[in-house]
Amino acid sequence: MRRVVAVLVVLTVVLGGLIALRLWTQARALAAPSGGSGEIEGIDVDLSSRVGARILEIRVREGDPVKAGDLLVRLDCADPAAQLAEATARLEAARAQAIAAGAQIQASRRARTAAGASEEAARAQAAALGAQAEAAARQAKRLEALPQDVPASSIDQTRASASGLEHQTAAAKAQALASAAQARAADVGIRSASAQAEAATAQMRAAEAAVERAKILVGECDVRAPRDAEVATLPHEAGELVSPGAILARLVDLSEVTATFYLPNAEVGAVKPGARAVIVADAFPEERFEGTIRTVALEAEFTPRNIQTRTDRDRLVYPVEVTVKNRGGKLRAGMPVQVTLDEGKRQ
């Protein structure tokens, strides 16, 4: 009986100690600053090309630092270059057609102006000659009607003059009609040349667009770094044929890195974007890196289906992203770190 009592006493003491230890651990955790562990992440940049071509050369190696604008990979540009040359030739031809159509319009307008002036002059001349012919005819009739004898030669001369004037009037009218026909033909020429000019302009615009597209494709043959970074991976080798959109190089920018850690539901309310944080990397345990909270997730992860008790609610965790000033470029992608929020002790 005494042995049973002793065992019960020992179990009670052990159980009490375990409970006390757990309570003490929880109290220390509550008193400690919020934070968590995470991994360093850089800004990954995947580089690809819009064209499918063979890789001519790769000018960098994995791990190399690169500057914005540095040439990384060069593709075979024979087809895009040929397309650019063809598009440029079509553009020049369209421009020549547009210039020729414009010159034709100007020539037709000049011809229209000249024909109009000629028509007006011919009509004016016909009117003047007609008046003279009528005057000569009236003069001949007056001579014939005179009571005294008039030399026949005078009457004949007057009649001949009237007849000649009538012929000249008819010729002037014919010239006016011809000039009017020329003016109408010039109008037709203007409309035709204008239509040709519009068509040539449309062709020129289409050719300009084709040239721009070809230039873009030619530019896609040289894959350059869009920012200062390091070469993370080069998935292809020189000589390989790659399809459009295939990743040719992956860069990682470590100038400003991020780390994501998780806070439980009970602690997330005290964290706001813009709050300061301290980051310690396993590789540099004696150094402290400054960070700033960028985002706090709006939704929790690993959420239980039925959240009813306080214990269950405390299982909710919220991803928190912090930006870290990578002093000296020491922090590398994938490096484990411990993040501590600079918020003092919680109540």
C-alpha atoms as a PDB file:
ATOM      1  CA  MET A   1       0.000   0.000   0.000  1.00  0.00           C
ATOM      2  CA  ARG A   2       2.811   2.369   0.868  1.00  0.00           C
ATOM      3  CA  ARG A   3       4.462   1.568  -2.471  1.00  0.00           C
ATOM      4  CA  VAL A   4       1.308   2.524  -4.339  1.00  0.00           C
ATOM      5  CA  VAL A   5       1.085   5.768  -2.426  1.00  0.00           C
ATOM      6  CA  ALA A   6       4.733   6.517  -3.159  1.00  0.00           C
ATOM      7  CA  VAL A   7       4.220   5.872  -6.858  1.00  0.00           C
ATOM      8  CA  LEU A   8       1.207   8.154  -6.893  1.00  0.00           C
ATOM      9  CA  VAL A   9       3.164  10.863  -5.125  1.00  0.00           C
ATOM     10  CA  VAL A  10       6.023  10.572  -7.613  1.00  0.00           C
ATOM     11  CA  LEU A  11       3.653  10.674 -10.560  1.00  0.00           C
ATOM     12  CA  THR A  12       1.907  13.683  -9.094  1.00  0.00           C
ATOM     13  CA  VAL A  13       5.197  15.511  -8.610  1.00  0.00           C
ATOM     14  CA  VAL A  14       6.379  14.661 -12.138  1.00  0.00           C
ATOM     15  CA  LEU A  15       3.081  15.673 -13.680  1.00  0.00           C
ATOM     16  CA  GLY A  16       3.070  18.903 -11.709  1.00  0.00           C
ATOM     17  CA  GLY A  17       6.611  19.621 -12.824  1.00  0.00           C
ATOM     18  CA  LEU A  18       5.731  19.023 -16.462  1.00  0.00           C
ATOM     19  CA  ILE A  19       2.718  21.302 -16.195  1.00  0.00           C
ATOM     20  CA  ALA A  20       4.806  23.976 -14.499  1.00  0.00           C
ATOM     21  CA  LEU A  21       7.493  23.670 -17.190  1.00  0.00           C
ATOM     22  CA  ARG A  22       4.916  23.995 -19.937  1.00  0.00           C
ATOM     23  CA  LEU A  23       3.357  27.029 -18.299  1.00  0.00           C
ATOM     24  CA  TRP A  24       6.773  28.593 -17.813  1.00  0.00           C
ATOM     25  CA  THR A  25       7.678  27.929 -21.461  1.00  0.00           C
ATOM     26  CA  GLN A  26       4.426  29.458 -22.656  1.00  0.00           C
ATOM     27  CA  ALA A  27       4.954  32.472 -20.414  1.00  0.00           C
ATOM     28  CA  ARG A  28       8.440  33.014 -21.827  1.00  0.00           C
ATOM     29  CA  ALA A  29       7.115  32.655 -25.355  1.00  0.00           C
ATOM     30  CA  LEU A  30       4.424  35.218 -24.635  1.00  0.00           C
ATOM     31  CA  ALA A  31       6.946  37.594 -23.096  1.00  0.00           C
ATOM     32  CA  ALA A  32       9.398  37.262 -25.974  1.00  0.00           C
ATOM     33  CA  PRO A  33       9.144  39.460 -29.081  1.00  0.00           C
ATOM     34  CA  SER A  34       7.052  38.150 -31.951  1.00  0.00           C
ATOM     35  CA  GLY A  35       8.802  36.628 -34.876  1.00  0.00           C
ATOM     36  CA  GLY A  36       9.592  33.433 -36.658  1.00  0.00           C
ATOM     37  CA  SER A  37      11.958  31.652 -38.975  1.00  0.00           C
ATOM     38  CA  GLY A  38      12.078  31.923 -42.723  1.00  0.00           C
ATOM     39  CA  GLU A  39      14.320  31.798 -45.775  1.00  0.00           C
ATOM     40  CA  ILE A  40      15.909  34.593 -47.741  1.00  0.00           C
ATOM     41  CA  GLU A  41      14.399  35.153 -51.167  1.00  0.00           C
ATOM     42  CA  GLY A  42      15.736  37.400 -53.894  1.00  0.00           C
ATOM     43  CA  ILE A  43      13.878  38.889 -56.838  1.00  0.00           C
ATOM     44  CA  ASP A  44      13.857  36.202 -59.528  1.00  0.00           C
ATOM     45  CA  VAL A  45      13.805  37.363 -63.142  1.00  0.00           C
ATOM     46  CA  ASP A  46      13.203  34.813 -65.904  1.00  0.00           C
ATOM     47  CA  LEU A  47      14.493  35.964 -69.287  1.00  0.00           C
ATOM     48  CA  SER A  48      13.077  34.613 -72.527  1.00  0.00           C
ATOM     49  CA  SER A  49      12.691  35.641 -76.161  1.00  0.00           C
ATOM     50  CA  ARG A  50       9.681  36.011 -78.408  1.00  0.00           C
ATOM     51  CA  VAL A  51      11.468  34.240 -81.243  1.00  0.00           C
ATOM     52  CA  GLY A  52      12.336  30.606 -81.632  1.00  0.00           C
ATOM     53  CA  ALA A  53      15.915  30.269 -82.819  1.00  0.00           C
ATOM     54  CA  ARG A  54      19.239  28.552 -82.277  1.00  0.00           C
ATOM     55  CA  ILE A  55      21.502  29.816 -79.508  1.00  0.00           C
ATOM     56  CA  LEU A  56      24.668  31.256 -81.029  1.00  0.00           C
ATOM     57  CA  GLU A  57      26.526  32.075 -77.834  1.00  0.00           C
ATOM     58  CA  ILE A  58      26.142  32.406 -74.081  1.00  0.00           C
ATOM     59  CA  ARG A  59      28.336  35.156 -72.694  1.00  0.00           C
ATOM     60  CA  VAL A  60      27.918  34.545 -68.957  1.00  0.00           C
ATOM     61  CA  ARG A  61      28.187  31.714 -66.492  1.00  0.00           C
ATOM     62  CA  GLU A  62      26.051  30.814 -63.528  1.00  0.00           C
ATOM     63  CA  GLY A  63      26.951  32.960 -60.544  1.00  0.00           C
ATOM     64  CA  ASP A  64      28.292  35.858 -62.619  1.00  0.00           C
ATOM     65  CA  PRO A  65      27.207  39.357 -61.572  1.00  0.00           C
ATOM     66  CA  VAL A  66      25.665  41.344 -64.424  1.00  0.00           C
ATOM     67  CA  LYS A  67      24.703  44.965 -64.969  1.00  0.00           C
ATOM     68  CA  ALA A  68      21.526  46.247 -66.575  1.00  0.00           C
ATOM     69  CA  GLY A  69      21.950  46.072 -70.354  1.00  0.00           C
ATOM     70  CA  ASP A  70      24.668  43.409 -70.361  1.00  0.00           C
ATOM     71  CA  LEU A  71      24.357  40.882 -73.198  1.00  0.00           C
ATOM     72  CA  LEU A  72      23.700  37.423 -71.783  1.00  0.00           C
ATOM     73  CA  VAL A  73      22.554  35.207 -74.661  1.00  0.00           C
ATOM     74  CA  ARG A  74      22.636  35.763 -78.424  1.00  0.00           C
ATOM     75  CA  LEU A  75      20.291  33.932 -80.788  1.00  0.00           C
ATOM     76  CA  ASP A  76      20.592  33.289 -84.512  1.00  0.00           C
ATOM     77  CA  CYS A  77      18.911  36.298 -86.145  1.00  0.00           C
ATOM     78  CA  ALA A  78      18.991  35.173 -89.784  1.00  0.00           C
ATOM     79  CA  ASP A  79      15.215  34.806 -90.182  1.00  0.00           C
ATOM     80  CA  PRO A  80      14.220  37.974 -88.276  1.00  0.00           C
ATOM     81  CA  ALA A  81      16.931  39.925 -90.108  1.00  0.00           C
ATOM     82  CA  ALA A  82      15.580  38.701 -93.454  1.00  0.00           C
ATOM     83  CA  GLN A  83      12.071  39.674 -92.384  1.00  0.00           C
ATOM     84  CA  LEU A  84      13.352  43.126 -91.448  1.00  0.00           C
ATOM     85  CA  ALA A  85      15.085  43.542 -94.812  1.00  0.00           C
ATOM     86  CA  GLU A  86      11.950  42.438 -96.660  1.00  0.00           C
ATOM     87  CA  ALA A  87       9.735  44.749 -94.619  1.00  0.00           C
ATOM     88  CA  THR A  88      12.144  47.641 -95.187  1.00  0.00           C
ATOM     89  CA  ALA A  89      12.074  47.029 -98.949  1.00  0.00           C
ATOM     90  CA  ARG A  90       8.263  46.995 -98.939  1.00  0.00           C
ATOM     91  CA  LEU A  91       8.287  50.224 -96.973  1.00  0.00           C
ATOM     92  CA  GLU A  92      10.594  51.918 -99.466  1.00  0.00           C
ATOM     93  CA  ALA A  93       8.416  50.734-102.370  1.00  0.00           C
ATOM     94  CA  ALA A  94       5.287  52.023-100.651  1.00  0.00           C
ATOM     95  CA  ARG A  95       6.961  55.365-100.013  1.00  0.00           C
ATOM     96  CA  ALA A  96       7.967  55.604-103.675  1.00  0.00           C
ATOM     97  CA  GLN A  97       4.393  54.844-104.733  1.00  0.00           C
ATOM     98  CA  ALA A  98       3.075  57.458-102.340  1.00  0.00           C
ATOM     99  CA  ILE A  99       5.520  60.043-103.693  1.00  0.00           C
ATOM    100  CA  ALA A 100       4.606  59.162-107.293  1.00  0.00           C
ATOM    101  CA  ALA A 101       0.901  59.378-106.505  1.00  0.00           C
ATOM    102  CA  GLY A 102       1.427  62.752-104.854  1.00  0.00           C
ATOM    103  CA  ALA A 103       3.320  63.994-107.913  1.00  0.00           C
ATOM    104  CA  GLN A 104       0.518  62.714-110.157  1.00  0.00           C
ATOM    105  CA  ILE A 105      -2.027  64.605-108.072  1.00  0.00           C
ATOM    106  CA  GLN A 106      -0.048  67.816-108.440  1.00  0.00           C
ATOM    107  CA  ALA A 107       0.339  67.287-112.207  1.00  0.00           C
ATOM    108  CA  SER A 108      -3.386  66.599-112.593  1.00  0.00           C
ATOM    109  CA  ARG A 109      -4.212  69.703-110.587  1.00  0.00           C
ATOM    110  CA  ARG A 110      -1.927  71.803-112.780  1.00  0.00           C
ATOM    111  CA  ALA A 111      -3.537  70.295-115.883  1.00  0.00           C
ATOM    112  CA  ARG A 112      -6.973  71.023-114.441  1.00  0.00           C
ATOM    113  CA  THR A 113      -6.008  74.628-113.792  1.00  0.00           C
ATOM    114  CA  ALA A 114      -4.577  75.034-117.301  1.00  0.00           C
ATOM    115  CA  ALA A 115      -7.625  73.396-118.924  1.00  0.00           C
ATOM    116  CA  GLY A 116      -9.962  75.614-116.942  1.00  0.00           C
ATOM    117  CA  ALA A 117      -8.061  78.726-117.967  1.00  0.00           C
ATOM    118  CA  SER A 118      -8.007  77.577-121.603  1.00  0.00           C
ATOM    119  CA  GLU A 119     -11.753  76.932-121.515  1.00  0.00           C
ATOM    120  CA  GLU A 120     -12.466  80.372-120.105  1.00  0.00           C
ATOM    121  CA  ALA A 121     -10.198  82.019-122.692  1.00  0.00           C
ATOM    122  CA  ALA A 122     -11.795  80.054-125.556  1.00  0.00           C
ATOM    123  CA  ARG A 123     -15.301  80.932-124.413  1.00  0.00           C
ATOM    124  CA  ALA A 124     -14.336  84.596-124.112  1.00  0.00           C
ATOM    125  CA  GLN A 125     -12.772  84.492-127.568  1.00  0.00           C
ATOM    126  CA  ALA A 126     -15.844  82.759-129.008  1.00  0.00           C
ATOM    127  CA  ALA A 127     -18.082  85.418-127.500  1.00  0.00           C
ATOM    128  CA  ALA A 128     -15.950  88.226-128.938  1.00  0.00           C
ATOM    129  CA  LEU A 129     -15.721  86.623-132.374  1.00  0.00           C
ATOM    130  CA  GLY A 130     -19.451  85.921-132.365  1.00  0.00           C
ATOM    131  CA  ALA A 131     -20.153  89.564-131.668  1.00  0.00           C
ATOM    132  CA  GLN A 132     -17.826  90.611-134.462  1.00  0.00           C
ATOM    133  CA  ALA A 133     -19.459  88.130-136.873  1.00  0.00           C
ATOM    134  CA  GLU A 134     -22.923  89.462-136.044  1.00  0.00           C
ATOM    135  CA  ALA A 135     -21.696  93.023-136.568  1.00  0.00           C
ATOM    136  CA  ALA A 136     -20.181  92.094-139.948  1.00  0.00           C
ATOM    137  CA  ALA A 137     -23.399  90.348-141.018  1.00  0.00           C
ATOM    138  CA  ARG A 138     -25.467  93.390-140.071  1.00  0.00           C
ATOM    139  CA  GLN A 139     -23.035  95.613-141.951  1.00  0.00           C
ATOM    140  CA  ALA A 140     -23.392  93.470-145.077  1.00  0.00           C
ATOM    141  CA  LYS A 141     -27.193  93.685-144.873  1.00  0.00           C
ATOM    142  CA  ARG A 142     -27.049  97.467-144.482  1.00  0.00           C
ATOM    143  CA  LEU A 143     -24.822  97.746-147.525  1.00  0.00           C
ATOM    144  CA  GLU A 144     -27.218  95.671-149.563  1.00  0.00           C
ATOM    145  CA  ALA A 145     -30.143  97.800-148.442  1.00  0.00           C
ATOM    146  CA  LEU A 146     -28.615 101.142-149.390  1.00  0.00           C
ATOM    147  CA  PRO A 147     -30.457 102.921-152.287  1.00  0.00           C
ATOM    148  CA  GLN A 148     -27.306 104.058-153.946  1.00  0.00           C
ATOM    149  CA  ASP A 149     -25.095 101.688-155.737  1.00  0.00           C
ATOM    150  CA  VAL A 150     -22.473 100.056-153.467  1.00  0.00           C
ATOM    151  CA  PRO A 151     -19.533  98.302-155.015  1.00  0.00           C
ATOM    152  CA  ALA A 152     -20.083  94.585-155.037  1.00  0.00           C
ATOM    153  CA  SER A 153     -16.560  94.079-153.798  1.00  0.00           C
ATOM    154  CA  SER A 154     -17.371  95.900-150.556  1.00  0.00           C
ATOM    155  CA  ILE A 155     -20.421  93.763-149.934  1.00  0.00           C
ATOM    156  CA  ASP A 156     -18.497  90.583-150.762  1.00  0.00           C
ATOM    157  CA  GLN A 157     -15.657  91.615-148.485  1.00  0.00           C
ATOM    158  CA  THR A 158     -18.075  92.292-145.620  1.00  0.00           C
ATOM    159  CA  ARG A 159     -19.794  88.953-146.162  1.00  0.00           C
ATOM    160  CA  ALA A 160     -16.441  87.166-146.288  1.00  0.00           C
ATOM    161  CA  SER A 161     -15.391  88.883-143.086  1.00  0.00           C
ATOM    162  CA  ALA A 162     -18.629  87.817-141.362  1.00  0.00           C
ATOM    163  CA  SER A 163     -18.217  84.252-142.604  1.00  0.00           C
ATOM    164  CA  GLY A 164     -14.617  84.125-141.419  1.00  0.00           C
ATOM    165  CA  LEU A 165     -15.620  85.437-138.038  1.00  0.00           C
ATOM    166  CA  GLU A 166     -18.328  82.781-137.801  1.00  0.00           C
ATOM    167  CA  HIS A 167     -15.774  80.067-138.546  1.00  0.00           C
ATOM    168  CA  GLN A 168     -13.407  81.497-135.948  1.00  0.00           C
ATOM    169  CA  THR A 169     -16.266  81.612-133.432  1.00  0.00           C
ATOM    170  CA  ALA A 170     -17.060  77.973-134.121  1.00  0.00           C
ATOM    171  CA  ALA A 171     -13.381  77.087-133.722  1.00  0.00           C
ATOM    172  CA  ALA A 172     -13.212  78.983-130.408  1.00  0.00           C
ATOM    173  CA  LYS A 173     -16.324  77.172-129.165  1.00  0.00           C
ATOM    174  CA  ALA A 174     -14.800  73.859-130.183  1.00  0.00           C
ATOM    175  CA  GLN A 175     -11.629  74.809-128.327  1.00  0.00           C
ATOM    176  CA  ALA A 176     -13.704  75.650-125.248  1.00  0.00           C
ATOM    177  CA  LEU A 177     -15.413  72.264-125.429  1.00  0.00           C
ATOM    178  CA  ALA A 178     -12.053  70.545-125.814  1.00  0.00           C
ATOM    179  CA  SER A 179     -10.661  72.459-122.851  1.00  0.00           C
ATOM    180  CA  ALA A 180     -13.718  71.487-120.791  1.00  0.00           C
ATOM    181  CA  ALA A 181     -13.137  67.854-121.716  1.00  0.00           C
ATOM    182  CA  GLN A 182      -9.508  68.201-120.663  1.00  0.00           C
ATOM    183  CA  ALA A 183     -10.633  69.717-117.360  1.00  0.00           C
ATOM    184  CA  ARG A 184     -12.992  66.798-116.750  1.00  0.00           C
ATOM    185  CA  ALA A 185     -10.218  64.371-117.613  1.00  0.00           C
ATOM    186  CA  ALA A 186      -7.947  66.204-115.189  1.00  0.00           C
ATOM    187  CA  ASP A 187     -10.618  65.861-112.473  1.00  0.00           C
ATOM    188  CA  VAL A 188     -10.751  62.129-113.137  1.00  0.00           C
ATOM    189  CA  GLY A 189      -6.967  62.031-112.971  1.00  0.00           C
ATOM    190  CA  ILE A 190      -7.016  63.861-109.639  1.00  0.00           C
ATOM    191  CA  ARG A 191      -9.516  61.401-108.175  1.00  0.00           C
ATOM    192  CA  SER A 192      -7.581  58.434-109.510  1.00  0.00           C
ATOM    193  CA  ALA A 193      -4.267  59.780-108.229  1.00  0.00           C
ATOM    194  CA  SER A 194      -5.858  60.554-104.860  1.00  0.00           C
ATOM    195  CA  ALA A 195      -7.122  56.980-104.605  1.00  0.00           C
ATOM    196  CA  GLN A 196      -3.666  55.711-105.521  1.00  0.00           C
ATOM    197  CA  ALA A 197      -2.132  58.020-102.924  1.00  0.00           C
ATOM    198  CA  GLU A 198      -4.511  56.738-100.232  1.00  0.00           C
ATOM    199  CA  ALA A 199      -3.739  53.143-101.167  1.00  0.00           C
ATOM    200  CA  ALA A 200      -0.010  53.870-101.171  1.00  0.00           C
ATOM    201  CA  THR A 201      -0.304  55.592 -97.787  1.00  0.00           C
ATOM    202  CA  ALA A 202      -2.141  52.584 -96.358  1.00  0.00           C
ATOM    203  CA  GLN A 203       0.523  50.268 -97.772  1.00  0.00           C
ATOM    204  CA  MET A 204       3.214  52.513 -96.316  1.00  0.00           C
ATOM    205  CA  ARG A 205       1.626  52.400 -92.854  1.00  0.00           C
ATOM    206  CA  ALA A 206       1.310  48.627 -93.054  1.00  0.00           C
ATOM    207  CA  ALA A 207       4.937  48.410 -94.160  1.00  0.00           C
ATOM    208  CA  GLU A 208       6.015  50.683 -91.297  1.00  0.00           C
ATOM    209  CA  ALA A 209       4.199  48.412 -88.838  1.00  0.00           C
ATOM    210  CA  ALA A 210       5.880  45.376 -90.404  1.00  0.00           C
ATOM    211  CA  VAL A 211       9.267  47.067 -90.053  1.00  0.00           C
ATOM    212  CA  GLU A 212       8.605  47.823 -86.386  1.00  0.00           C
ATOM    213  CA  ARG A 213       7.555  44.222 -85.746  1.00  0.00           C
ATOM    214  CA  ALA A 214      10.652  42.951 -87.515  1.00  0.00           C
ATOM    215  CA  LYS A 215      12.847  45.319 -85.489  1.00  0.00           C
ATOM    216  CA  ILE A 216      11.284  43.989 -82.291  1.00  0.00           C
ATOM    217  CA  LEU A 217      12.015  40.415 -83.357  1.00  0.00           C
ATOM    218  CA  VAL A 218      15.591  41.317 -84.247  1.00  0.00           C
ATOM    219  CA  GLY A 219      15.952  42.982 -80.855  1.00  0.00           C
ATOM    220  CA  GLU A 220      14.678  39.787 -79.220  1.00  0.00           C
ATOM    221  CA  CYS A 221      17.702  37.934 -80.581  1.00  0.00           C
ATOM    222  CA  ASP A 222      19.961  39.640 -78.038  1.00  0.00           C
ATOM    223  CA  VAL A 223      18.863  38.741 -74.511  1.00  0.00           C
ATOM    224  CA  ARG A 224      20.105  41.406 -72.096  1.00  0.00           C
ATOM    225  CA  ALA A 225      19.909  41.865 -68.350  1.00  0.00           C
ATOM    226  CA  PRO A 226      17.023  44.165 -67.380  1.00  0.00           C
ATOM    227  CA  ARG A 227      18.612  45.050 -64.015  1.00  0.00           C
ATOM    228  CA  ASP A 228      21.691  44.548 -61.892  1.00  0.00           C
ATOM    229  CA  ALA A 229      21.598  40.974 -60.647  1.00  0.00           C
ATOM    230  CA  GLU A 230      23.393  37.634 -60.581  1.00  0.00           C
ATOM    231  CA  VAL A 231      23.007  34.753 -63.002  1.00  0.00           C
ATOM    232  CA  ALA A 232      21.197  31.979 -61.152  1.00  0.00           C
ATOM    233  CA  THR A 233      20.666  29.371 -63.876  1.00  0.00           C
ATOM    234  CA  LEU A 234      21.347  28.903 -67.586  1.00  0.00           C
ATOM    235  CA  PRO A 235      19.084  26.027 -68.647  1.00  0.00           C
ATOM    236  CA  HIS A 236      20.379  25.765 -72.235  1.00  0.00           C
ATOM    237  CA  GLU A 237      23.663  25.402 -74.073  1.00  0.00           C
ATOM    238  CA  ALA A 238      25.007  27.119 -77.170  1.00  0.00           C
ATOM    239  CA  GLY A 239      23.786  25.397 -80.320  1.00  0.00           C
ATOM    240  CA  GLU A 240      20.437  24.338 -78.890  1.00  0.00           C
ATOM    241  CA  LEU A 241      17.251  25.247 -80.725  1.00  0.00           C
ATOM    242  CA  VAL A 242      14.822  26.945 -78.337  1.00  0.00           C
ATOM    243  CA  SER A 243      11.154  27.709 -78.813  1.00  0.00           C
ATOM    244  CA  PRO A 244       9.541  31.136 -78.335  1.00  0.00           C
ATOM    245  CA  GLY A 245       9.077  31.933 -74.667  1.00  0.00           C
ATOM    246  CA  ALA A 246      11.622  29.381 -73.453  1.00  0.00           C
ATOM    247  CA  ILE A 247      13.579  30.534 -70.391  1.00  0.00           C
ATOM    248  CA  LEU A 248      17.112  31.351 -71.514  1.00  0.00           C
ATOM    249  CA  ALA A 249      18.469  32.695 -68.233  1.00  0.00           C
ATOM    250  CA  ARG A 250      17.253  33.188 -64.697  1.00  0.00           C
ATOM    251  CA  LEU A 251      18.608  36.107 -62.705  1.00  0.00           C
ATOM    252  CA  VAL A 252      18.293  36.823 -59.013  1.00  0.00           C
ATOM    253  CA  ASP A 253      18.514  40.345 -57.631  1.00  0.00           C
ATOM    254  CA  LEU A 254      19.896  40.290 -54.091  1.00  0.00           C
ATOM    255  CA  SER A 255      20.176  44.053 -53.612  1.00  0.00           C
ATOM    256  CA  GLU A 256      17.001  43.915 -51.543  1.00  0.00           C
ATOM    257  CA  VAL A 257      15.840  40.533 -50.320  1.00  0.00           C
ATOM    258  CA  THR A 258      12.742  39.297 -48.555  1.00  0.00           C
ATOM    259  CA  ALA A 259      11.911  36.661 -45.986  1.00  0.00           C
ATOM    260  CA  THR A 260       8.512  35.193 -45.129  1.00  0.00           C
ATOM    261  CA  PHE A 261       7.709  33.946 -41.643  1.00  0.00           C
ATOM    262  CA  TYR A 262       4.471  32.988 -39.932  1.00  0.00           C
ATOM    263  CA  LEU A 263       2.702  34.464 -36.931  1.00  0.00           C
ATOM    264  CA  PRO A 264      -0.064  32.753 -34.954  1.00  0.00           C
ATOM    265  CA  ASN A 265      -3.531  34.206 -34.752  1.00  0.00           C
ATOM    266  CA  ALA A 266      -2.941  35.597 -31.250  1.00  0.00           C
ATOM    267  CA  GLU A 267       0.041  37.714 -32.377  1.00  0.00           C
ATOM    268  CA  VAL A 268      -0.935  38.927 -35.820  1.00  0.00           C
ATOM    269  CA  GLY A 269      -3.035  41.831 -34.551  1.00  0.00           C
ATOM    270  CA  ALA A 270       0.036  43.683 -33.278  1.00  0.00           C
ATOM    271  CA  VAL A 271       1.849  43.575 -36.626  1.00  0.00           C
ATOM    272  CA  LYS A 272       1.395  46.315 -39.215  1.00  0.00           C
ATOM    273  CA  PRO A 273       3.092  46.952 -42.577  1.00  0.00           C
ATOM    274  CA  GLY A 274       5.985  49.330 -42.098  1.00  0.00           C
ATOM    275  CA  ALA A 275       6.963  47.960 -38.685  1.00  0.00           C
ATOM    276  CA  ARG A 276      10.648  47.341 -38.083  1.00  0.00           C
ATOM    277  CA  ALA A 277      12.206  43.916 -37.740  1.00  0.00           C
ATOM    278  CA  VAL A 278      15.602  42.439 -36.935  1.00  0.00           C
ATOM    279  CA  ILE A 279      16.926  39.540 -38.977  1.00  0.00           C
ATOM    280  CA  VAL A 280      19.668  37.143 -37.917  1.00  0.00           C
ATOM    281  CA  ALA A 281      21.068  34.643 -40.402  1.00  0.00           C
ATOM    282  CA  ASP A 282      22.427  31.280 -39.301  1.00  0.00           C
ATOM    283  CA  ALA A 283      25.527  31.957 -41.373  1.00  0.00           C
ATOM    284  CA  PHE A 284      26.165  35.275 -39.578  1.00  0.00           C
ATOM    285  CA  PRO A 285      24.888  34.791 -36.007  1.00  0.00           C
ATOM    286  CA  GLU A 286      26.688  37.884 -34.693  1.00  0.00           C
ATOM    287  CA  GLU A 287      25.247  40.297 -37.263  1.00  0.00           C
ATOM    288  CA  ARG A 288      21.882  42.022 -37.233  1.00  0.00           C
ATOM    289  CA  PHE A 289      20.172  43.015 -40.467  1.00  0.00           C
ATOM    290  CA  GLU A 290      17.459  45.651 -40.541  1.00  0.00           C
ATOM    291  CA  GLY A 291      14.115  44.837 -42.094  1.00  0.00           C
ATOM    292  CA  THR A 292      10.663  46.306 -42.622  1.00  0.00           C
ATOM    293  CA  ILE A 293       7.329  44.505 -42.687  1.00  0.00           C
ATOM    294  CA  ARG A 294       5.980  44.714 -46.226  1.00  0.00           C
ATOM    295  CA  THR A 295       2.776  42.710 -46.098  1.00  0.00           C
ATOM    296  CA  VAL A 296       0.668  40.770 -43.632  1.00  0.00           C
ATOM    297  CA  ALA A 297      -1.571  38.155 -45.241  1.00  0.00           C
ATOM    298  CA  LEU A 298      -5.303  38.781 -45.083  1.00  0.00           C
ATOM    299  CA  GLU A 299      -6.065  35.074 -44.826  1.00  0.00           C
ATOM    300  CA  ALA A 300      -4.577  32.461 -42.531  1.00  0.00           C
ATOM    301  CA  GLU A 301      -2.917  29.257 -43.654  1.00  0.00           C
ATOM    302  CA  PHE A 302      -3.259  25.741 -42.222  1.00  0.00           C
ATOM    303  CA  THR A 303      -6.697  26.709 -40.909  1.00  0.00           C
ATOM    304  CA  PRO A 304      -8.627  23.905 -39.118  1.00  0.00           C
ATOM    305  CA  ARG A 305     -12.051  23.166 -40.546  1.00  0.00           C
ATOM    306  CA  ASN A 306     -13.898  23.752 -37.272  1.00  0.00           C
ATOM    307  CA  ILE A 307     -12.429  26.575 -35.218  1.00  0.00           C
ATOM    308  CA  GLN A 308     -14.339  26.510 -31.971  1.00  0.00           C
ATOM    309  CA  THR A 309     -11.939  26.648 -29.040  1.00  0.00           C
ATOM    310  CA  ARG A 310      -9.262  29.163 -28.109  1.00  0.00           C
ATOM    311  CA  THR A 311      -6.614  26.505 -28.666  1.00  0.00           C
ATOM    312  CA  ASP A 312      -7.824  25.879 -32.202  1.00  0.00           C
ATOM    313  CA  ARG A 313      -7.875  29.595 -32.950  1.00  0.00           C
ATOM    314  CA  ASP A 314      -4.264  29.889 -31.841  1.00  0.00           C
ATOM    315  CA  ARG A 315      -3.285  27.356 -34.490  1.00  0.00           C
ATOM    316  CA  LEU A 316      -4.002  29.878 -37.239  1.00  0.00           C
ATOM    317  CA  VAL A 317      -0.842  31.259 -38.821  1.00  0.00           C
ATOM    318  CA  TYR A 318      -0.529  34.283 -41.094  1.00  0.00           C
ATOM    319  CA  PRO A 319       2.315  34.712 -43.593  1.00  0.00           C
ATOM    320  CA  VAL A 320       4.261  37.930 -42.985  1.00  0.00           C
ATOM    321  CA  GLU A 321       6.735  39.206 -45.573  1.00  0.00           C
ATOM    322  CA  VAL A 322       9.636  41.394 -44.498  1.00  0.00           C
ATOM    323  CA  THR A 323      12.083  43.242 -46.733  1.00  0.00           C
ATOM    324  CA  VAL A 324      15.697  43.069 -45.617  1.00  0.00           C
ATOM    325  CA  LYS A 325      18.533  45.457 -46.360  1.00  0.00           C
ATOM    326  CA  ASN A 326      21.209  43.143 -47.696  1.00  0.00           C
ATOM    327  CA  ARG A 327      24.191  44.951 -46.255  1.00  0.00           C
ATOM    328  CA  GLY A 328      27.320  43.971 -48.138  1.00  0.00           C
ATOM    329  CA  GLY A 329      25.390  41.430 -50.192  1.00  0.00           C
ATOM    330  CA  LYS A 330      25.978  38.785 -47.532  1.00  0.00           C
ATOM    331  CA  LEU A 331      22.488  37.316 -47.540  1.00  0.00           C
ATOM    332  CA  ARG A 332      21.934  34.697 -50.229  1.00  0.00           C
ATOM    333  CA  ALA A 333      18.764  33.136 -51.585  1.00  0.00           C
ATOM    334  CA  GLY A 334      17.659  30.129 -49.529  1.00  0.00           C
ATOM    335  CA  MET A 335      19.630  31.148 -46.454  1.00  0.00           C
ATOM    336  CA  PRO A 336      17.671  30.385 -43.213  1.00  0.00           C
ATOM    337  CA  VAL A 337      17.079  33.374 -40.950  1.00  0.00           C
ATOM    338  CA  GLN A 338      15.311  34.261 -37.718  1.00  0.00           C
ATOM    339  CA  VAL A 339      13.039  37.302 -37.821  1.00  0.00           C
ATOM    340  CA  THR A 340      12.228  39.229 -34.647  1.00  0.00           C
ATOM    341  CA  LEU A 341       9.758  42.094 -34.641  1.00  0.00           C
ATOM    342  CA  ASP A 342      11.040  45.269 -33.017  1.00  0.00           C
ATOM    343  CA  GLU A 343       7.874  45.819 -30.974  1.00  0.00           C
ATOM    344  CA  GLY A 344       8.948  45.328 -27.371  1.00  0.00           C
ATOM    345  CA  LYS A 345       7.411  42.769 -25.067  1.00  0.00           C
ATOM    346  CA  ARG A 346       3.779  41.885 -25.496  1.00  0.00           C
ATOM    347  CA  GLN A 347       1.346  42.328 -22.675  1.00  0.00           C
END
